[in-house]
Amino acid sequence: MTVGEHQAIVSGPADQPLTALDEPGGPTLSEEPELSTSDAGVDALDGPFTTRQLLRLDEALRVADQQTGLTFSVFIGDLEEPTREYAEQLHRQLDGAAKAVLLAISPNQRILEIVTGSDARKRISDRDAKLAALSMAASFAGGDLAGGVLAGLDQLASHAGRH
């Protein structure tokens, strides 16, 4: 578990595009599997999250962004080796990387990287990020991937404070 620039993206292989679940420029949430349409007409991803969980994660990202003025993103998928450098590379691809917070999570590899941009790092200390990571890891160990991501986003946004 490491700390640095951060923003949230849930994603798969680098050669597949990310799927935004909200308006352009907002929080990014995507996964690697194919899209399917639910009965509610919402695009849902055939992956580790239910449509309800995706909607909760999308809302949590939006709220964290609005409250803090930072941009949070979550990436869920396999991380190329070395994983820290790969997470930092993903972070650099985010718009406004200086104000971005990335949670890079690889359940298969049992790895969590939190990357914070230079501006975000002024508001979220390494200690704060480590505490959020420990909380997330506890949820992940209990089999609750979505709950862990939600808890981590909430903790990081709380530590960042209002803008």
Protein backbone atom coordinates (compact mmCIF):
# COMPACT_ATOMS: atom_id res chain seq x y z
CA MET A 1 0.00 0.00 0.00
CA THR A 2 1.49 3.31 -1.04
CA VAL A 3 0.47 6.93 -1.17
CA GLY A 4 0.85 9.60 -3.86
CA GLU A 5 -1.29 11.43 -6.41
CA HIS A 6 -4.92 10.24 -6.53
CA GLN A 7 -8.12 10.18 -8.60
CA ALA A 8 -10.63 7.35 -9.03
CA ILE A 9 -10.99 5.15 -12.10
CA VAL A 10 -12.40 1.67 -12.20
CA SER A 11 -10.88 0.15 -15.27
CA GLY A 12 -9.53 -2.84 -17.09
CA PRO A 13 -6.72 -3.31 -19.58
CA ALA A 14 -5.01 -0.18 -20.85
CA ASP A 15 -6.12 -0.92 -24.40
CA GLN A 16 -9.81 -0.69 -23.48
CA PRO A 17 -11.52 2.68 -23.08
CA LEU A 18 -12.90 3.83 -19.76
CA THR A 19 -16.65 4.16 -19.46
CA ALA A 20 -17.89 7.34 -17.81
CA LEU A 21 -21.10 6.90 -15.86
CA ASP A 22 -21.87 10.60 -15.67
CA GLU A 23 -21.38 13.85 -17.52
CA PRO A 24 -18.04 14.65 -19.21
CA GLY A 25 -15.50 16.17 -16.89
CA GLY A 26 -17.08 14.58 -13.83
CA PRO A 27 -15.83 11.68 -11.77
CA THR A 28 -14.71 8.67 -13.74
CA LEU A 29 -15.86 5.17 -12.97
CA SER A 30 -15.26 2.34 -15.36
CA GLU A 31 -14.55 -1.35 -15.52
CA GLU A 32 -13.12 -3.71 -18.08
CA PRO A 33 -16.15 -5.91 -18.97
CA GLU A 34 -18.69 -5.19 -21.67
CA LEU A 35 -21.62 -2.82 -21.14
CA SER A 36 -25.18 -4.06 -20.83
CA THR A 37 -28.40 -2.12 -20.33
CA SER A 38 -30.49 -2.74 -17.24
CA ASP A 39 -34.29 -2.51 -16.99
CA ALA A 40 -33.93 1.03 -15.63
CA GLY A 41 -32.19 2.11 -18.81
CA VAL A 42 -28.90 2.75 -17.00
CA ASP A 43 -25.75 1.43 -18.60
CA ALA A 44 -24.41 -1.24 -16.26
CA LEU A 45 -21.12 -3.03 -16.49
CA ASP A 46 -20.97 -6.79 -16.34
CA GLY A 47 -18.25 -6.84 -13.69
CA PRO A 48 -17.68 -7.01 -9.95
CA PHE A 49 -20.39 -4.44 -9.13
CA THR A 50 -24.16 -4.51 -9.38
CA THR A 51 -25.92 -1.59 -11.05
CA ARG A 52 -26.93 -0.32 -7.60
CA GLN A 53 -23.33 -0.45 -6.38
CA LEU A 54 -22.15 1.39 -9.49
CA LEU A 55 -24.71 4.11 -8.92
CA ARG A 56 -23.65 4.43 -5.26
CA LEU A 57 -19.98 4.64 -6.30
CA ASP A 58 -20.79 7.21 -8.96
CA GLU A 59 -22.67 9.33 -6.42
CA ALA A 60 -19.85 9.00 -3.86
CA LEU A 61 -17.33 10.20 -6.47
CA ARG A 62 -19.54 13.13 -7.42
CA VAL A 63 -20.07 14.16 -3.77
CA ALA A 64 -16.35 13.84 -2.93
CA ASP A 65 -15.47 16.00 -5.94
CA GLN A 66 -18.08 18.66 -5.12
CA GLN A 67 -17.26 18.86 -1.41
CA THR A 68 -13.49 19.00 -1.76
CA GLY A 69 -12.84 20.63 -5.12
CA LEU A 70 -10.51 17.71 -5.86
CA THR A 71 -11.14 15.06 -8.50
CA PHE A 72 -11.45 11.50 -7.22
CA SER A 73 -11.13 8.47 -9.50
CA VAL A 74 -11.10 4.71 -8.97
CA PHE A 75 -9.34 2.11 -11.10
CA ILE A 76 -10.20 -1.54 -10.55
CA GLY A 77 -8.30 -4.07 -12.60
CA ASP A 78 -4.92 -5.71 -12.92
CA LEU A 79 -1.99 -3.35 -12.48
CA GLU A 80 1.07 -3.82 -14.64
CA GLU A 81 4.41 -4.32 -12.87
CA PRO A 82 5.80 -2.32 -11.25
CA THR A 83 2.37 -1.54 -9.85
CA ARG A 84 3.22 1.81 -8.22
CA GLU A 85 4.64 3.22 -11.43
CA TYR A 86 1.65 1.95 -13.38
CA ALA A 87 -0.75 3.62 -10.91
CA GLU A 88 1.22 6.86 -11.23
CA GLN A 89 1.03 6.57 -15.04
CA LEU A 90 -2.76 6.16 -14.83
CA HIS A 91 -2.92 9.20 -12.57
CA ARG A 92 -0.94 11.35 -14.99
CA GLN A 93 -3.56 10.59 -17.67
CA LEU A 94 -6.30 12.21 -15.59
CA ASP A 95 -7.46 15.72 -16.35
CA GLY A 96 -6.17 18.14 -13.73
CA ALA A 97 -3.82 15.55 -12.24
CA ALA A 98 -2.49 18.02 -9.64
CA LYS A 99 -5.93 18.09 -7.98
CA ALA A 100 -6.64 14.41 -8.60
CA VAL A 101 -6.83 11.42 -6.25
CA LEU A 102 -6.61 7.92 -7.75
CA LEU A 103 -7.54 4.73 -5.96
CA ALA A 104 -5.95 1.93 -8.02
CA ILE A 105 -7.24 -1.44 -6.83
CA SER A 106 -6.28 -4.87 -8.14
CA PRO A 107 -8.31 -7.51 -6.30
CA ASN A 108 -6.61 -10.37 -8.18
CA GLN A 109 -3.15 -9.10 -7.18
CA ARG A 110 -4.32 -7.98 -3.71
CA ILE A 111 -2.85 -4.52 -4.32
CA LEU A 112 -4.15 -1.05 -3.47
CA GLU A 113 -2.33 2.11 -4.57
CA ILE A 114 -3.48 5.61 -3.63
CA VAL A 115 -1.95 8.30 -5.82
CA THR A 116 -2.40 11.99 -4.98
CA GLY A 117 -1.60 14.98 -7.15
CA SER A 118 0.63 17.79 -5.86
CA ASP A 119 -2.33 20.00 -4.83
CA ALA A 120 -4.31 17.10 -3.35
CA ARG A 121 -1.28 15.97 -1.36
CA LYS A 122 -1.31 19.30 0.51
CA ARG A 123 -4.76 18.39 1.88
CA ILE A 124 -4.47 14.61 2.27
CA SER A 125 -1.40 13.50 4.20
CA ASP A 126 0.33 10.16 3.73
CA ARG A 127 -0.99 9.20 7.17
CA ASP A 128 -4.56 10.03 6.11
CA ALA A 129 -4.19 7.97 2.94
CA LYS A 130 -2.72 5.03 4.87
CA LEU A 131 -5.63 5.08 7.32
CA ALA A 132 -8.10 5.07 4.42
CA ALA A 133 -6.17 2.23 2.78
CA LEU A 134 -6.28 0.16 5.98
CA SER A 135 -10.03 0.67 6.23
CA MET A 136 -10.47 -0.30 2.59
CA ALA A 137 -8.28 -3.38 2.98
CA ALA A 138 -10.39 -4.55 5.93
CA SER A 139 -13.55 -4.32 3.82
CA PHE A 140 -11.85 -6.03 0.88
CA ALA A 141 -10.71 -8.88 3.15
CA GLY A 142 -14.35 -9.32 4.18
CA GLY A 143 -15.37 -9.62 0.53
CA ASP A 144 -16.92 -6.15 0.26
CA LEU A 145 -15.20 -4.46 -2.69
CA ALA A 146 -17.82 -1.74 -3.21
CA GLY A 147 -18.11 -1.01 0.51
CA GLY A 148 -14.35 -0.69 0.79
CA VAL A 149 -14.17 1.77 -2.10
CA LEU A 150 -17.04 3.80 -0.64
CA ALA A 151 -15.38 3.90 2.80
CA GLY A 152 -12.05 4.94 1.30
CA LEU A 153 -13.60 7.72 -0.76
CA ASP A 154 -15.50 9.00 2.27
CA GLN A 155 -12.40 9.00 4.49
CA LEU A 156 -10.18 10.68 1.91
CA ALA A 157 -12.79 13.35 1.18
CA SER A 158 -13.26 13.97 4.91
CA HIS A 159 -9.52 14.40 5.41
CA ALA A 160 -9.32 16.76 2.43
CA GLY A 161 -12.06 18.96 3.89
CA ARG A 162 -14.22 21.44 2.05
CA HIS A 163 -12.78 23.73 -0.57
